[in-house]
């Protein structure tokens, strides 16, 4: 069970999307950065993915692909320090931030 009270991938996804949710959660569970929730440390990116998924579920519960996109938006984000990303307008327009 995850800190948001669900089983990984437990948003009623179809079999088609169930496995990706589990894999996204597995990867984000490796985040060494933690956030405290009710005095328990949880991987930060896992919490972010769960919170974003919950929000999308409230806004557009029938759009499964949006929930999937929300769940993986920051996949393994801690692996690339934000300080290494060129935040210039030219780099952004050229797509070099990835």
C-alpha atoms as a PDB file:
ATOM      1  CA  UNK A   1       0.000   0.000   0.000  1.00  0.00           C
ATOM      2  CA  UNK A   2       1.216   3.468  -0.844  1.00  0.00           C
ATOM      3  CA  UNK A   3       1.118   6.574   1.402  1.00  0.00           C
ATOM      4  CA  UNK A   4      -1.987   7.770  -0.462  1.00  0.00           C
ATOM      5  CA  UNK A   5      -3.878   4.698   0.738  1.00  0.00           C
ATOM      6  CA  UNK A   6      -3.946   2.834  -2.572  1.00  0.00           C
ATOM      7  CA  UNK A   7      -2.362  -0.234  -3.969  1.00  0.00           C
ATOM      8  CA  UNK A   8       0.274   0.710  -6.576  1.00  0.00           C
ATOM      9  CA  UNK A   9      -1.599   1.361  -9.770  1.00  0.00           C
ATOM     10  CA  UNK A  10      -4.846   1.131  -7.822  1.00  0.00           C
ATOM     11  CA  UNK A  11      -6.916   3.721  -9.653  1.00  0.00           C
ATOM     12  CA  UNK A  12      -9.130   1.241 -11.452  1.00  0.00           C
ATOM     13  CA  UNK A  13      -6.924   1.232 -14.521  1.00  0.00           C
ATOM     14  CA  UNK A  14      -7.463  -1.215 -17.281  1.00  0.00           C
ATOM     15  CA  UNK A  15      -5.082  -4.138 -17.547  1.00  0.00           C
ATOM     16  CA  UNK A  16      -3.387  -2.170 -20.317  1.00  0.00           C
ATOM     17  CA  UNK A  17      -2.264   0.584 -17.934  1.00  0.00           C
ATOM     18  CA  UNK A  18      -1.968  -1.345 -14.664  1.00  0.00           C
ATOM     19  CA  UNK A  19       1.593  -2.539 -15.162  1.00  0.00           C
ATOM     20  CA  UNK A  20       3.012   0.883 -16.139  1.00  0.00           C
ATOM     21  CA  UNK A  21       1.562   2.390 -12.939  1.00  0.00           C
ATOM     22  CA  UNK A  22       3.304  -0.273 -10.876  1.00  0.00           C
ATOM     23  CA  UNK A  23       6.603   0.269 -12.716  1.00  0.00           C
ATOM     24  CA  UNK A  24       6.409   4.065 -12.350  1.00  0.00           C
ATOM     25  CA  UNK A  25       5.812   3.660  -8.615  1.00  0.00           C
ATOM     26  CA  UNK A  26       8.677   1.172  -8.315  1.00  0.00           C
ATOM     27  CA  UNK A  27      11.075   3.596  -9.962  1.00  0.00           C
ATOM     28  CA  UNK A  28       9.909   6.632  -8.006  1.00  0.00           C
ATOM     29  CA  UNK A  29      10.150   4.610  -4.776  1.00  0.00           C
ATOM     30  CA  UNK A  30      13.927   4.737  -5.266  1.00  0.00           C
ATOM     31  CA  UNK A  31      14.035   8.530  -4.790  1.00  0.00           C
ATOM     32  CA  UNK A  32      16.569   9.225  -2.016  1.00  0.00           C
ATOM     33  CA  UNK A  33      14.857  12.558  -1.251  1.00  0.00           C
ATOM     34  CA  UNK A  34      12.123  12.120   1.313  1.00  0.00           C
ATOM     35  CA  UNK A  35       9.105  14.039   2.476  1.00  0.00           C
ATOM     36  CA  UNK A  36       7.446  13.484   5.826  1.00  0.00           C
ATOM     37  CA  UNK A  37       3.785  12.478   5.888  1.00  0.00           C
ATOM     38  CA  UNK A  38       2.315  11.825   9.320  1.00  0.00           C
ATOM     39  CA  UNK A  39       5.824  11.430  10.756  1.00  0.00           C
ATOM     40  CA  UNK A  40       6.824   8.819   8.157  1.00  0.00           C
ATOM     41  CA  UNK A  41       9.423   9.499   5.442  1.00  0.00           C
ATOM     42  CA  UNK A  42       8.309   8.736   1.881  1.00  0.00           C
ATOM     43  CA  UNK A  43      10.171   9.100  -1.426  1.00  0.00           C
ATOM     44  CA  UNK A  44       9.393  12.613  -2.680  1.00  0.00           C
ATOM     45  CA  UNK A  45       8.744  11.789  -6.348  1.00  0.00           C
ATOM     46  CA  UNK A  46       6.494   8.878  -5.409  1.00  0.00           C
ATOM     47  CA  UNK A  47       4.388  11.228  -3.293  1.00  0.00           C
ATOM     48  CA  UNK A  48       4.325  13.810  -6.078  1.00  0.00           C
ATOM     49  CA  UNK A  49       3.123  11.209  -8.601  1.00  0.00           C
ATOM     50  CA  UNK A  50       0.438   9.967  -6.237  1.00  0.00           C
ATOM     51  CA  UNK A  51      -0.809  13.462  -5.432  1.00  0.00           C
ATOM     52  CA  UNK A  52      -0.903  14.470  -9.080  1.00  0.00           C
ATOM     53  CA  UNK A  53      -2.727  11.254  -9.989  1.00  0.00           C
ATOM     54  CA  UNK A  54      -5.336  11.959  -7.312  1.00  0.00           C
ATOM     55  CA  UNK A  55      -5.840  15.491  -8.651  1.00  0.00           C
ATOM     56  CA  UNK A  56      -6.260  14.294 -12.244  1.00  0.00           C
ATOM     57  CA  UNK A  57      -8.660  11.613 -11.023  1.00  0.00           C
ATOM     58  CA  UNK A  58     -10.826  14.352  -9.467  1.00  0.00           C
ATOM     59  CA  UNK A  59     -10.725  16.536 -12.581  1.00  0.00           C
ATOM     60  CA  UNK A  60     -11.023  13.954 -15.374  1.00  0.00           C
ATOM     61  CA  UNK A  61     -11.802  10.518 -13.926  1.00  0.00           C
ATOM     62  CA  UNK A  62     -12.649   8.960 -17.282  1.00  0.00           C
ATOM     63  CA  UNK A  63      -9.471   9.996 -19.122  1.00  0.00           C
ATOM     64  CA  UNK A  64      -7.149   7.133 -18.317  1.00  0.00           C
ATOM     65  CA  UNK A  65      -4.290   8.396 -20.484  1.00  0.00           C
ATOM     66  CA  UNK A  66      -4.134  11.661 -18.465  1.00  0.00           C
ATOM     67  CA  UNK A  67      -3.840   9.678 -15.244  1.00  0.00           C
ATOM     68  CA  UNK A  68      -1.017   7.665 -16.761  1.00  0.00           C
ATOM     69  CA  UNK A  69       0.768  10.831 -17.919  1.00  0.00           C
ATOM     70  CA  UNK A  70       0.360  12.388 -14.476  1.00  0.00           C
ATOM     71  CA  UNK A  71       1.808   9.325 -12.801  1.00  0.00           C
ATOM     72  CA  UNK A  72       5.028   9.443 -14.825  1.00  0.00           C
ATOM     73  CA  UNK A  73       5.481  13.208 -15.185  1.00  0.00           C
ATOM     74  CA  UNK A  74       8.505  13.361 -12.851  1.00  0.00           C
ATOM     75  CA  UNK A  75       9.737   9.807 -13.332  1.00  0.00           C
ATOM     76  CA  UNK A  76      13.160   9.483 -11.662  1.00  0.00           C
ATOM     77  CA  UNK A  77      13.496  13.260 -11.611  1.00  0.00           C
ATOM     78  CA  UNK A  78      16.159  13.181  -8.889  1.00  0.00           C
ATOM     79  CA  UNK A  79      18.605  11.496 -11.294  1.00  0.00           C
ATOM     80  CA  UNK A  80      19.237  14.692 -13.292  1.00  0.00           C
ATOM     81  CA  UNK A  81      19.998  17.671 -11.050  1.00  0.00           C
ATOM     82  CA  UNK A  82      17.969  20.703 -12.078  1.00  0.00           C
ATOM     83  CA  UNK A  83      21.166  22.760 -11.951  1.00  0.00           C
ATOM     84  CA  UNK A  84      22.399  20.879 -15.038  1.00  0.00           C
ATOM     85  CA  UNK A  85      19.403  21.928 -17.147  1.00  0.00           C
ATOM     86  CA  UNK A  86      19.954  24.955 -19.423  1.00  0.00           C
ATOM     87  CA  UNK A  87      17.017  27.220 -18.560  1.00  0.00           C
ATOM     88  CA  UNK A  88      17.651  29.782 -21.285  1.00  0.00           C
ATOM     89  CA  UNK A  89      14.836  30.718 -23.653  1.00  0.00           C
ATOM     90  CA  UNK A  90      16.900  29.437 -26.564  1.00  0.00           C
ATOM     91  CA  UNK A  91      17.466  26.031 -24.932  1.00  0.00           C
ATOM     92  CA  UNK A  92      13.810  25.730 -23.996  1.00  0.00           C
ATOM     93  CA  UNK A  93      12.591  26.508 -27.507  1.00  0.00           C
ATOM     94  CA  UNK A  94      15.110  24.050 -28.954  1.00  0.00           C
ATOM     95  CA  UNK A  95      13.913  21.293 -26.605  1.00  0.00           C
ATOM     96  CA  UNK A  96      17.306  20.939 -24.931  1.00  0.00           C
ATOM     97  CA  UNK A  97      15.943  20.735 -21.388  1.00  0.00           C
ATOM     98  CA  UNK A  98      15.309  16.994 -21.594  1.00  0.00           C
END
